């Protein structure tokens, strides 16, 4: 009789593997399940082995990011939406720092290679709307601008969520994104207001 799969056990192993990797602890079958009440066989049941586990860990990072980005609803202000997406990206990194560190480790493939692309497409679509609305110049390339926005968000997230900078540095996103979008053609005053509105959503966050 086949064993019933327990989604909670699968999530437990994914989170524990990410925590161990971030702490630079050696991850073996035995060390992974130690103290969890889960057997080593569960790694094969849910992932087919350790390689499958690492693919699932990376995938889970992008899955949680996709859920967070989906909370950003489209508004009449596409520049505000771009900043909202950056804020959602960052809040996901702060809430899931262990998974965030692992999801960009290309040592193992993703279970679904489209996951990373879809995260970027959220930004591309918002940039396309901003260009169509006349906020950005017609010659602005939405994928390029989206990638530049992601670079800003990823840099801050990496340096704060998993690095040396204090949370207070997150405020630097506002002038950085404003400079990027003004360079793309937006009005400086209007742009700053849109970015400030977007960046502080879905905050408040503790930036002390």
N, C-alpha and C. Protein backbone atom coordinates (compact mmCIF):
# COMPACT_ATOMS: atom_id res chain seq x y z
N UNK A 1 0.85 -1.21 0.00
CA UNK A 1 0.00 0.00 0.00
C UNK A 1 0.88 1.26 0.00
N UNK A 2 0.63 2.15 -0.91
CA UNK A 2 1.46 3.35 -1.04
C UNK A 2 1.27 4.27 0.15
N UNK A 3 2.35 4.92 0.56
CA UNK A 3 2.27 5.87 1.66
C UNK A 3 1.59 7.16 1.21
N UNK A 4 0.81 7.71 2.13
CA UNK A 4 0.17 8.99 1.84
C UNK A 4 1.20 10.10 2.00
N UNK A 5 1.30 10.95 1.00
CA UNK A 5 2.26 12.05 1.07
C UNK A 5 1.74 13.16 1.95
N UNK A 6 2.65 13.76 2.68
CA UNK A 6 2.31 14.83 3.61
C UNK A 6 2.97 16.12 3.13
N UNK A 7 2.19 17.07 2.60
CA UNK A 7 2.79 18.33 2.11
C UNK A 7 3.58 19.06 3.19
N UNK A 8 3.15 18.94 4.45
CA UNK A 8 3.87 19.62 5.53
C UNK A 8 5.27 19.07 5.69
N UNK A 9 5.44 17.75 5.53
CA UNK A 9 6.76 17.14 5.64
C UNK A 9 7.66 17.61 4.49
N UNK A 10 7.09 17.73 3.32
CA UNK A 10 7.86 18.21 2.17
C UNK A 10 8.34 19.64 2.41
N UNK A 11 7.44 20.50 2.88
CA UNK A 11 7.82 21.88 3.15
C UNK A 11 8.86 21.96 4.26
N UNK A 12 8.72 21.10 5.27
CA UNK A 12 9.68 21.08 6.38
C UNK A 12 11.08 20.77 5.87
N UNK A 13 11.20 19.79 4.99
CA UNK A 13 12.51 19.41 4.47
C UNK A 13 13.10 20.52 3.59
N UNK A 14 12.26 21.17 2.82
CA UNK A 14 12.74 22.27 1.97
C UNK A 14 13.27 23.41 2.83
N UNK A 15 12.50 23.82 3.83
CA UNK A 15 12.93 24.92 4.69
C UNK A 15 14.19 24.57 5.47
N UNK A 16 14.25 23.34 5.95
CA UNK A 16 15.43 22.93 6.73
C UNK A 16 16.68 22.89 5.84
N UNK A 17 16.54 22.39 4.63
CA UNK A 17 17.69 22.35 3.73
C UNK A 17 18.21 23.75 3.44
N UNK A 18 17.29 24.69 3.21
CA UNK A 18 17.70 26.08 2.94
C UNK A 18 18.38 26.69 4.15
N UNK A 19 17.86 26.42 5.35
CA UNK A 19 18.47 26.95 6.58
C UNK A 19 19.87 26.39 6.77
N UNK A 20 20.04 25.11 6.53
CA UNK A 20 21.35 24.48 6.71
C UNK A 20 22.36 25.02 5.71
N UNK A 21 21.90 25.21 4.50
CA UNK A 21 22.82 25.72 3.47
C UNK A 21 23.26 27.13 3.82
N UNK A 22 22.31 27.95 4.28
CA UNK A 22 22.66 29.32 4.64
C UNK A 22 23.64 29.33 5.81
N UNK A 23 23.47 28.39 6.77
CA UNK A 23 24.35 28.32 7.93
C UNK A 23 25.66 27.59 7.63
N UNK A 24 25.81 27.18 6.37
CA UNK A 24 27.01 26.46 5.92
C UNK A 24 27.20 25.14 6.68
N UNK A 25 26.09 24.52 7.05
CA UNK A 25 26.14 23.20 7.67
C UNK A 25 26.16 22.14 6.57
N UNK A 26 26.93 21.07 6.75
CA UNK A 26 26.92 20.01 5.75
C UNK A 26 25.54 19.35 5.69
N UNK A 27 25.01 19.23 4.50
CA UNK A 27 23.67 18.67 4.33
C UNK A 27 23.79 17.25 3.80
N UNK A 28 23.45 16.30 4.64
CA UNK A 28 23.38 14.89 4.26
C UNK A 28 21.98 14.39 4.57
N UNK A 29 21.68 13.18 4.11
CA UNK A 29 20.37 12.63 4.41
C UNK A 29 20.09 12.62 5.91
N UNK A 30 21.07 12.17 6.67
CA UNK A 30 20.87 12.03 8.12
C UNK A 30 20.81 13.40 8.81
N UNK A 31 21.71 14.31 8.43
CA UNK A 31 21.70 15.62 9.09
C UNK A 31 20.44 16.41 8.74
N UNK A 32 19.93 16.18 7.54
CA UNK A 32 18.74 16.90 7.10
C UNK A 32 17.52 16.53 7.94
N UNK A 33 17.37 15.26 8.24
CA UNK A 33 16.16 14.82 8.94
C UNK A 33 16.34 14.77 10.45
N UNK A 34 17.56 14.99 10.94
CA UNK A 34 17.82 14.89 12.38
C UNK A 34 16.91 15.84 13.17
N UNK A 35 16.19 15.27 14.13
CA UNK A 35 15.34 16.08 14.99
C UNK A 35 14.03 16.52 14.39
N UNK A 36 13.73 16.10 13.16
CA UNK A 36 12.49 16.53 12.50
C UNK A 36 11.34 15.53 12.66
N UNK A 37 11.68 14.29 13.02
CA UNK A 37 10.66 13.26 13.08
C UNK A 37 10.33 12.69 11.72
N UNK A 38 11.09 13.09 10.69
CA UNK A 38 10.90 12.60 9.32
C UNK A 38 12.02 11.62 9.01
N UNK A 39 11.71 10.55 8.31
CA UNK A 39 12.72 9.54 7.99
C UNK A 39 13.53 9.96 6.77
N UNK A 40 14.71 9.36 6.62
CA UNK A 40 15.53 9.63 5.45
C UNK A 40 14.83 9.21 4.16
N UNK A 41 13.97 8.22 4.27
CA UNK A 41 13.25 7.75 3.09
C UNK A 41 12.36 8.84 2.50
N UNK A 42 11.96 9.80 3.34
CA UNK A 42 11.09 10.87 2.85
C UNK A 42 11.76 11.70 1.76
N UNK A 43 13.08 11.80 1.81
CA UNK A 43 13.80 12.57 0.79
C UNK A 43 13.60 11.92 -0.58
N UNK A 44 13.56 10.60 -0.61
CA UNK A 44 13.32 9.89 -1.88
C UNK A 44 11.84 9.92 -2.24
N UNK A 45 10.98 9.83 -1.22
CA UNK A 45 9.54 9.85 -1.46
C UNK A 45 9.10 11.15 -2.12
N UNK A 46 9.60 12.27 -1.61
CA UNK A 46 9.14 13.58 -2.07
C UNK A 46 9.99 14.18 -3.19
N UNK A 47 11.28 13.80 -3.23
CA UNK A 47 12.19 14.49 -4.16
C UNK A 47 12.98 13.56 -5.07
N UNK A 48 12.94 12.25 -4.80
CA UNK A 48 13.71 11.32 -5.61
C UNK A 48 15.18 11.29 -5.28
N UNK A 49 15.59 11.98 -4.22
CA UNK A 49 16.99 12.02 -3.82
C UNK A 49 17.43 13.44 -3.53
N UNK A 50 18.71 13.60 -3.20
CA UNK A 50 19.21 14.91 -2.80
C UNK A 50 19.22 15.92 -3.95
N UNK A 51 19.55 15.49 -5.16
CA UNK A 51 19.53 16.43 -6.29
C UNK A 51 18.13 16.99 -6.49
N UNK A 52 17.13 16.12 -6.38
CA UNK A 52 15.75 16.57 -6.51
C UNK A 52 15.36 17.51 -5.40
N UNK A 53 15.90 17.28 -4.21
CA UNK A 53 15.64 18.19 -3.10
C UNK A 53 16.12 19.59 -3.41
N UNK A 54 17.34 19.71 -3.92
CA UNK A 54 17.89 21.04 -4.19
C UNK A 54 17.14 21.74 -5.31
N UNK A 55 16.68 20.97 -6.30
CA UNK A 55 15.84 21.58 -7.34
C UNK A 55 14.55 22.11 -6.74
N UNK A 56 13.98 21.34 -5.82
CA UNK A 56 12.73 21.75 -5.18
C UNK A 56 12.93 22.97 -4.29
N UNK A 57 14.09 23.06 -3.64
CA UNK A 57 14.38 24.21 -2.78
C UNK A 57 14.42 25.48 -3.63
N UNK A 58 15.13 25.43 -4.74
CA UNK A 58 15.19 26.60 -5.63
C UNK A 58 13.79 26.95 -6.14
N UNK A 59 13.05 25.92 -6.55
CA UNK A 59 11.72 26.15 -7.09
C UNK A 59 10.80 26.78 -6.05
N UNK A 60 10.90 26.33 -4.81
CA UNK A 60 10.06 26.88 -3.75
C UNK A 60 10.33 28.37 -3.55
N UNK A 61 11.59 28.76 -3.68
CA UNK A 61 11.91 30.18 -3.56
C UNK A 61 11.18 31.01 -4.60
N UNK A 62 11.18 30.55 -5.84
CA UNK A 62 10.48 31.28 -6.89
C UNK A 62 8.97 31.16 -6.76
N UNK A 63 8.50 30.03 -6.23
CA UNK A 63 7.05 29.86 -6.03
C UNK A 63 6.54 30.87 -5.01
N UNK A 64 7.28 31.05 -3.92
CA UNK A 64 6.84 32.01 -2.90
C UNK A 64 6.94 33.44 -3.43
N UNK A 65 7.96 33.69 -4.27
CA UNK A 65 8.07 35.01 -4.87
C UNK A 65 6.88 35.28 -5.79
N UNK A 66 6.47 34.26 -6.56
CA UNK A 66 5.34 34.43 -7.47
C UNK A 66 4.06 34.77 -6.71
N UNK A 67 3.87 34.11 -5.57
CA UNK A 67 2.69 34.38 -4.74
C UNK A 67 2.73 35.83 -4.25
N UNK A 68 3.90 36.28 -3.83
CA UNK A 68 4.02 37.66 -3.31
C UNK A 68 3.80 38.68 -4.42
N UNK A 69 4.38 38.45 -5.59
CA UNK A 69 4.21 39.39 -6.69
C UNK A 69 2.75 39.46 -7.15
N UNK A 70 2.05 38.34 -7.02
CA UNK A 70 0.65 38.30 -7.44
C UNK A 70 -0.24 39.15 -6.54
N UNK A 71 0.25 39.54 -5.36
CA UNK A 71 -0.55 40.39 -4.48
C UNK A 71 -0.56 41.85 -4.96
N UNK A 72 0.32 42.18 -5.91
CA UNK A 72 0.36 43.55 -6.45
C UNK A 72 -0.70 43.67 -7.53
N UNK A 73 -1.72 44.42 -7.25
CA UNK A 73 -2.79 44.60 -8.23
C UNK A 73 -2.47 45.77 -9.15
N UNK A 74 -2.99 45.70 -10.36
CA UNK A 74 -2.77 46.76 -11.34
C UNK A 74 -3.55 48.01 -10.95
N UNK A 75 -2.86 49.14 -10.99
CA UNK A 75 -3.50 50.42 -10.67
C UNK A 75 -3.42 51.34 -11.90
N UNK A 76 -4.04 52.50 -11.84
CA UNK A 76 -3.92 53.45 -12.96
C UNK A 76 -2.52 54.04 -13.09
N UNK A 77 -1.65 53.81 -12.11
CA UNK A 77 -0.30 54.38 -12.11
C UNK A 77 0.72 53.25 -12.31
N UNK A 78 1.18 53.01 -13.54
CA UNK A 78 2.09 51.91 -13.78
C UNK A 78 3.47 52.09 -13.15
N UNK A 79 3.90 53.33 -12.93
CA UNK A 79 5.19 53.56 -12.27
C UNK A 79 5.08 53.17 -10.80
N UNK A 80 3.96 53.52 -10.18
CA UNK A 80 3.70 53.08 -8.82
C UNK A 80 3.70 51.56 -8.76
N UNK A 81 3.12 50.90 -9.79
CA UNK A 81 3.06 49.44 -9.81
C UNK A 81 4.46 48.83 -9.91
N UNK A 82 5.33 49.46 -10.69
CA UNK A 82 6.71 48.98 -10.78
C UNK A 82 7.39 49.02 -9.42
N UNK A 83 7.19 50.12 -8.69
CA UNK A 83 7.77 50.23 -7.36
C UNK A 83 7.13 49.24 -6.39
N UNK A 84 5.83 49.00 -6.54
CA UNK A 84 5.13 48.01 -5.71
C UNK A 84 5.74 46.62 -5.91
N UNK A 85 6.02 46.28 -7.15
CA UNK A 85 6.61 44.97 -7.45
C UNK A 85 7.98 44.84 -6.81
N UNK A 86 8.75 45.94 -6.83
CA UNK A 86 10.05 45.92 -6.16
C UNK A 86 9.90 45.74 -4.67
N UNK A 87 8.90 46.40 -4.09
CA UNK A 87 8.63 46.27 -2.66
C UNK A 87 8.21 44.85 -2.31
N UNK A 88 7.35 44.26 -3.14
CA UNK A 88 6.91 42.88 -2.91
C UNK A 88 8.08 41.91 -3.02
N UNK A 89 8.94 42.15 -3.99
CA UNK A 89 10.14 41.31 -4.17
C UNK A 89 11.00 41.36 -2.91
N UNK A 90 11.20 42.56 -2.42
CA UNK A 90 12.05 42.73 -1.25
C UNK A 90 11.42 42.11 0.00
N UNK A 91 10.13 42.32 0.19
CA UNK A 91 9.48 41.77 1.37
C UNK A 91 9.52 40.25 1.36
N UNK A 92 9.43 39.65 0.17
CA UNK A 92 9.55 38.20 0.08
C UNK A 92 10.94 37.74 0.50
N UNK A 93 11.97 38.49 0.07
CA UNK A 93 13.34 38.14 0.45
C UNK A 93 13.55 38.25 1.95
N UNK A 94 12.97 39.29 2.57
CA UNK A 94 13.14 39.49 4.01
C UNK A 94 12.39 38.42 4.80
N UNK A 95 11.25 37.97 4.27
CA UNK A 95 10.47 36.95 4.96
C UNK A 95 11.02 35.54 4.76
N UNK A 96 11.77 35.35 3.67
CA UNK A 96 12.30 34.02 3.35
C UNK A 96 13.80 34.11 3.02
N UNK A 97 14.62 34.59 3.96
CA UNK A 97 16.03 34.83 3.64
C UNK A 97 16.80 33.57 3.26
N UNK A 98 16.45 32.43 3.86
CA UNK A 98 17.17 31.19 3.55
C UNK A 98 16.87 30.74 2.13
N UNK A 99 15.60 30.72 1.76
CA UNK A 99 15.23 30.35 0.40
C UNK A 99 15.75 31.37 -0.61
N UNK A 100 15.75 32.64 -0.22
CA UNK A 100 16.22 33.68 -1.13
C UNK A 100 17.67 33.46 -1.52
N UNK A 101 18.47 33.06 -0.56
CA UNK A 101 19.88 32.81 -0.87
C UNK A 101 20.04 31.65 -1.84
N UNK A 102 19.21 30.62 -1.69
CA UNK A 102 19.36 29.40 -2.48
C UNK A 102 18.78 29.54 -3.88
N UNK A 103 17.72 30.34 -4.04
CA UNK A 103 17.00 30.35 -5.31
C UNK A 103 17.83 30.85 -6.49
N UNK A 104 18.92 31.56 -6.22
CA UNK A 104 19.77 32.04 -7.31
C UNK A 104 21.06 31.22 -7.46
N UNK A 105 21.12 30.09 -6.78
CA UNK A 105 22.25 29.18 -6.91
C UNK A 105 21.99 28.26 -8.10
N UNK A 106 22.69 28.50 -9.19
CA UNK A 106 22.44 27.76 -10.42
C UNK A 106 23.14 26.41 -10.46
N UNK A 107 23.65 25.94 -9.31
CA UNK A 107 24.29 24.63 -9.29
C UNK A 107 23.30 23.53 -9.62
N UNK A 108 22.01 23.78 -9.34
CA UNK A 108 20.96 22.83 -9.65
C UNK A 108 19.89 23.52 -10.47
N UNK A 109 19.33 22.77 -11.43
CA UNK A 109 18.28 23.32 -12.26
C UNK A 109 17.00 23.52 -11.45
N UNK A 110 16.14 24.37 -11.96
CA UNK A 110 14.80 24.51 -11.39
C UNK A 110 13.93 23.35 -11.87
N UNK A 111 12.92 23.01 -11.10
CA UNK A 111 11.95 22.02 -11.56
C UNK A 111 11.20 22.56 -12.77
N UNK A 112 10.92 23.85 -12.77
CA UNK A 112 10.27 24.52 -13.90
C UNK A 112 11.10 25.75 -14.24
N UNK A 113 11.82 25.69 -15.34
CA UNK A 113 12.76 26.75 -15.69
C UNK A 113 12.07 28.07 -16.02
N UNK A 114 10.74 28.04 -16.19
CA UNK A 114 10.01 29.27 -16.54
C UNK A 114 9.78 30.16 -15.33
N UNK A 115 10.04 29.64 -14.12
CA UNK A 115 9.70 30.37 -12.90
C UNK A 115 10.45 31.70 -12.81
N UNK A 116 11.75 31.69 -13.07
CA UNK A 116 12.52 32.91 -13.00
C UNK A 116 12.09 33.93 -14.05
N UNK A 117 11.79 33.43 -15.25
CA UNK A 117 11.35 34.33 -16.32
C UNK A 117 10.04 35.01 -15.97
N UNK A 118 9.12 34.26 -15.36
CA UNK A 118 7.81 34.82 -15.04
C UNK A 118 7.93 35.95 -14.02
N UNK A 119 8.89 35.82 -13.09
CA UNK A 119 9.10 36.90 -12.12
C UNK A 119 9.48 38.19 -12.83
N UNK A 120 10.37 38.08 -13.82
CA UNK A 120 10.78 39.26 -14.58
C UNK A 120 9.63 39.80 -15.42
N UNK A 121 8.76 38.91 -15.92
CA UNK A 121 7.68 39.35 -16.79
C UNK A 121 6.69 40.26 -16.07
N UNK A 122 6.54 40.09 -14.76
CA UNK A 122 5.69 41.01 -14.00
C UNK A 122 6.19 42.45 -14.19
N UNK A 123 7.51 42.62 -14.09
CA UNK A 123 8.10 43.94 -14.24
C UNK A 123 8.01 44.43 -15.69
N UNK A 124 8.22 43.51 -16.63
CA UNK A 124 8.16 43.89 -18.04
C UNK A 124 6.77 44.43 -18.40
N UNK A 125 5.75 43.75 -17.92
CA UNK A 125 4.38 44.18 -18.23
C UNK A 125 4.09 45.56 -17.64
N UNK A 126 4.57 45.81 -16.43
CA UNK A 126 4.36 47.13 -15.83
C UNK A 126 5.11 48.20 -16.60
N UNK A 127 6.33 47.88 -17.05
CA UNK A 127 7.11 48.84 -17.83
C UNK A 127 6.45 49.12 -19.18
N UNK A 128 5.86 48.11 -19.77
CA UNK A 128 5.15 48.31 -21.04
C UNK A 128 3.95 49.24 -20.85
N UNK A 129 3.24 49.06 -19.73
CA UNK A 129 2.10 49.93 -19.44
C UNK A 129 2.55 51.37 -19.22
N UNK A 130 3.69 51.54 -18.54
CA UNK A 130 4.20 52.89 -18.30
C UNK A 130 4.59 53.57 -19.60
N UNK A 131 5.17 52.81 -20.51
CA UNK A 131 5.53 53.39 -21.82
C UNK A 131 4.27 53.74 -22.61
N UNK A 132 3.28 52.85 -22.59
CA UNK A 132 2.03 53.11 -23.31
C UNK A 132 1.28 54.32 -22.75
N UNK A 133 1.43 54.53 -21.43
CA UNK A 133 0.75 55.65 -20.78
C UNK A 133 1.49 56.97 -20.97
N UNK A 134 2.63 56.95 -21.65
CA UNK A 134 3.40 58.16 -21.88
C UNK A 134 4.31 58.54 -20.72
N UNK A 135 4.45 57.67 -19.72
CA UNK A 135 5.34 57.97 -18.61
C UNK A 135 6.80 57.75 -19.01
N UNK A 136 7.03 56.79 -19.89
CA UNK A 136 8.37 56.53 -20.40
C UNK A 136 8.41 56.84 -21.90
N UNK A 137 9.60 57.14 -22.40
CA UNK A 137 9.77 57.45 -23.82
C UNK A 137 9.45 56.23 -24.68
N UNK A 138 9.12 56.49 -25.92
CA UNK A 138 8.78 55.41 -26.84
C UNK A 138 9.97 54.51 -27.14
N UNK A 139 11.20 55.05 -27.01
CA UNK A 139 12.38 54.25 -27.33
C UNK A 139 12.87 53.40 -26.15
N UNK A 140 12.17 53.47 -25.02
CA UNK A 140 12.55 52.67 -23.86
C UNK A 140 12.21 51.20 -24.11
N UNK A 141 13.14 50.32 -23.81
CA UNK A 141 12.94 48.89 -23.98
C UNK A 141 12.43 48.30 -22.66
N UNK A 142 11.16 47.88 -22.58
CA UNK A 142 10.62 47.39 -21.31
C UNK A 142 11.41 46.24 -20.68
N UNK A 143 11.84 45.22 -21.43
CA UNK A 143 12.63 44.15 -20.78
C UNK A 143 13.93 44.67 -20.17
N UNK A 144 14.57 45.61 -20.85
CA UNK A 144 15.82 46.16 -20.32
C UNK A 144 15.55 46.96 -19.06
N UNK A 145 14.52 47.78 -19.07
CA UNK A 145 14.18 48.58 -17.89
C UNK A 145 13.75 47.67 -16.73
N UNK A 146 13.01 46.62 -17.06
CA UNK A 146 12.60 45.67 -16.02
C UNK A 146 13.81 45.01 -15.38
N UNK A 147 14.77 44.63 -16.22
CA UNK A 147 15.99 44.00 -15.68
C UNK A 147 16.75 44.97 -14.78
N UNK A 148 16.81 46.23 -15.18
CA UNK A 148 17.50 47.24 -14.36
C UNK A 148 16.79 47.43 -13.01
N UNK A 149 15.45 47.41 -13.05
CA UNK A 149 14.68 47.52 -11.80
C UNK A 149 14.96 46.33 -10.90
N UNK A 150 15.03 45.14 -11.50
CA UNK A 150 15.30 43.93 -10.73
C UNK A 150 16.69 43.99 -10.11
N UNK A 151 17.64 44.51 -10.86
CA UNK A 151 19.01 44.62 -10.34
C UNK A 151 19.03 45.48 -9.08
N UNK A 152 18.29 46.58 -9.09
CA UNK A 152 18.24 47.45 -7.91
C UNK A 152 17.61 46.70 -6.74
N UNK A 153 16.47 46.05 -6.98
CA UNK A 153 15.80 45.32 -5.91
C UNK A 153 16.62 44.16 -5.39
N UNK A 154 17.23 43.43 -6.31
CA UNK A 154 18.02 42.27 -5.92
C UNK A 154 19.26 42.70 -5.14
N UNK A 155 19.88 43.79 -5.57
CA UNK A 155 21.05 44.27 -4.85
C UNK A 155 20.73 44.65 -3.41
N UNK A 156 19.65 45.39 -3.23
CA UNK A 156 19.25 45.78 -1.88
C UNK A 156 18.86 44.56 -1.05
N UNK A 157 18.09 43.66 -1.66
CA UNK A 157 17.65 42.47 -0.93
C UNK A 157 18.84 41.62 -0.50
N UNK A 158 19.80 41.45 -1.39
CA UNK A 158 20.97 40.64 -1.06
C UNK A 158 21.80 41.26 0.05
N UNK A 159 21.94 42.56 0.00
CA UNK A 159 22.79 43.24 0.98
C UNK A 159 22.12 43.42 2.34
N UNK A 160 20.79 43.40 2.35
CA UNK A 160 20.07 43.57 3.62
C UNK A 160 19.59 42.22 4.16
N UNK A 161 18.92 41.43 3.34
CA UNK A 161 18.35 40.16 3.82
C UNK A 161 19.42 39.14 4.13
N UNK A 162 20.48 39.11 3.35
CA UNK A 162 21.51 38.08 3.55
C UNK A 162 22.90 38.68 3.66
N UNK A 163 23.00 40.00 3.80
CA UNK A 163 24.31 40.62 3.78
C UNK A 163 24.55 41.60 4.91
N UNK A 164 25.45 42.57 4.69
CA UNK A 164 25.94 43.40 5.79
C UNK A 164 25.19 44.69 6.05
N UNK A 165 24.28 45.10 5.15
CA UNK A 165 23.67 46.42 5.32
C UNK A 165 22.48 46.36 6.28
N UNK A 166 22.25 47.44 7.04
CA UNK A 166 21.10 47.49 7.95
C UNK A 166 19.81 47.76 7.17
N UNK A 167 18.65 47.40 7.74
CA UNK A 167 17.37 47.62 7.05
C UNK A 167 17.12 49.07 6.67
N UNK A 168 17.71 50.00 7.39
CA UNK A 168 17.49 51.41 7.08
C UNK A 168 17.93 51.76 5.65
N UNK A 169 18.84 50.95 5.08
CA UNK A 169 19.34 51.22 3.73
C UNK A 169 18.29 50.91 2.66
N UNK A 170 17.20 50.24 3.04
CA UNK A 170 16.16 49.95 2.07
C UNK A 170 15.54 51.23 1.50
N UNK A 171 15.63 52.31 2.25
CA UNK A 171 15.09 53.58 1.79
C UNK A 171 15.81 54.08 0.54
N UNK A 172 17.01 53.57 0.28
CA UNK A 172 17.76 53.98 -0.91
C UNK A 172 17.06 53.55 -2.20
N UNK A 173 16.11 52.63 -2.09
CA UNK A 173 15.40 52.19 -3.29
C UNK A 173 14.64 53.34 -3.94
N UNK A 174 14.12 54.25 -3.13
CA UNK A 174 13.31 55.35 -3.69
C UNK A 174 14.14 56.24 -4.63
N UNK A 175 15.28 56.79 -4.19
CA UNK A 175 16.05 57.60 -5.15
C UNK A 175 16.64 56.77 -6.30
N UNK A 176 16.99 55.53 -6.04
CA UNK A 176 17.55 54.70 -7.12
C UNK A 176 16.52 54.42 -8.20
N UNK A 177 15.31 54.01 -7.80
CA UNK A 177 14.27 53.74 -8.78
C UNK A 177 13.80 55.02 -9.45
N UNK A 178 13.70 56.09 -8.67
CA UNK A 178 13.30 57.38 -9.26
C UNK A 178 14.29 57.81 -10.33
N UNK A 179 15.57 57.68 -10.05
CA UNK A 179 16.58 58.04 -11.04
C UNK A 179 16.47 57.20 -12.30
N UNK A 180 16.21 55.90 -12.11
CA UNK A 180 16.07 55.01 -13.27
C UNK A 180 14.87 55.41 -14.12
N UNK A 181 13.73 55.66 -13.48
CA UNK A 181 12.52 55.95 -14.24
C UNK A 181 12.52 57.36 -14.84
N UNK A 182 13.13 58.32 -14.15
CA UNK A 182 13.27 59.66 -14.73
C UNK A 182 14.17 59.58 -15.96
N UNK A 183 15.22 58.76 -15.88
CA UNK A 183 16.09 58.56 -17.04
C UNK A 183 15.36 57.95 -18.21
N UNK A 184 14.26 57.22 -17.91
CA UNK A 184 13.45 56.62 -18.97
C UNK A 184 12.41 57.59 -19.51
N UNK A 185 12.35 58.80 -18.92
CA UNK A 185 11.47 59.82 -19.47
C UNK A 185 10.39 60.34 -18.56
N UNK A 186 10.26 59.80 -17.34
CA UNK A 186 9.18 60.24 -16.47
C UNK A 186 9.48 61.61 -15.87
N UNK A 187 8.43 62.33 -15.52
CA UNK A 187 8.57 63.63 -14.86
C UNK A 187 9.14 63.42 -13.46
N UNK A 188 10.18 64.16 -13.06
CA UNK A 188 10.83 63.91 -11.77
C UNK A 188 9.91 63.98 -10.56
N UNK A 189 9.07 65.02 -10.49
CA UNK A 189 8.20 65.18 -9.32
C UNK A 189 7.14 64.09 -9.30
N UNK A 190 6.50 63.86 -10.42
CA UNK A 190 5.46 62.83 -10.51
C UNK A 190 6.05 61.45 -10.24
N UNK A 191 7.24 61.22 -10.77
CA UNK A 191 7.90 59.93 -10.61
C UNK A 191 8.21 59.66 -9.14
N UNK A 192 8.78 60.65 -8.47
CA UNK A 192 9.13 60.48 -7.06
C UNK A 192 7.89 60.13 -6.24
N UNK A 193 6.78 60.80 -6.53
CA UNK A 193 5.55 60.53 -5.79
C UNK A 193 5.06 59.10 -6.05
N UNK A 194 5.13 58.67 -7.30
CA UNK A 194 4.69 57.32 -7.64
C UNK A 194 5.57 56.26 -6.97
N UNK A 195 6.87 56.48 -7.00
CA UNK A 195 7.79 55.51 -6.41
C UNK A 195 7.61 55.44 -4.91
N UNK A 196 7.45 56.57 -4.28
CA UNK A 196 7.25 56.56 -2.82
C UNK A 196 5.97 55.83 -2.45
N UNK A 197 4.90 56.04 -3.21
CA UNK A 197 3.65 55.34 -2.95
C UNK A 197 3.82 53.84 -3.13
N UNK A 198 4.52 53.46 -4.19
CA UNK A 198 4.69 52.04 -4.47
C UNK A 198 5.64 51.34 -3.54
N UNK A 199 6.75 52.01 -3.22
CA UNK A 199 7.77 51.35 -2.43
C UNK A 199 7.30 51.07 -1.01
N UNK A 200 6.43 51.91 -0.48
CA UNK A 200 5.95 51.72 0.88
C UNK A 200 4.71 50.84 0.94
N UNK A 201 4.47 50.12 -0.14
CA UNK A 201 3.42 49.11 -0.17
C UNK A 201 4.08 47.78 -0.51
N UNK A 202 3.85 46.67 0.16
CA UNK A 202 2.86 46.45 1.23
C UNK A 202 3.40 46.66 2.63
N UNK A 203 4.35 47.59 2.79
CA UNK A 203 4.84 47.95 4.10
C UNK A 203 3.73 48.68 4.87
N UNK A 204 3.79 48.97 6.15
CA UNK A 204 5.03 49.30 6.85
C UNK A 204 5.85 48.08 7.22
N UNK A 205 7.14 48.27 7.13
CA UNK A 205 8.10 47.27 7.58
C UNK A 205 9.00 47.91 8.60
N UNK A 206 9.65 47.09 9.38
CA UNK A 206 10.56 47.61 10.41
C UNK A 206 11.87 47.98 9.75
N UNK A 207 12.09 49.26 9.57
CA UNK A 207 13.33 49.73 8.94
C UNK A 207 14.18 50.52 9.91
N UNK A 208 14.00 50.23 11.19
CA UNK A 208 14.77 50.96 12.20
C UNK A 208 16.15 50.35 12.33
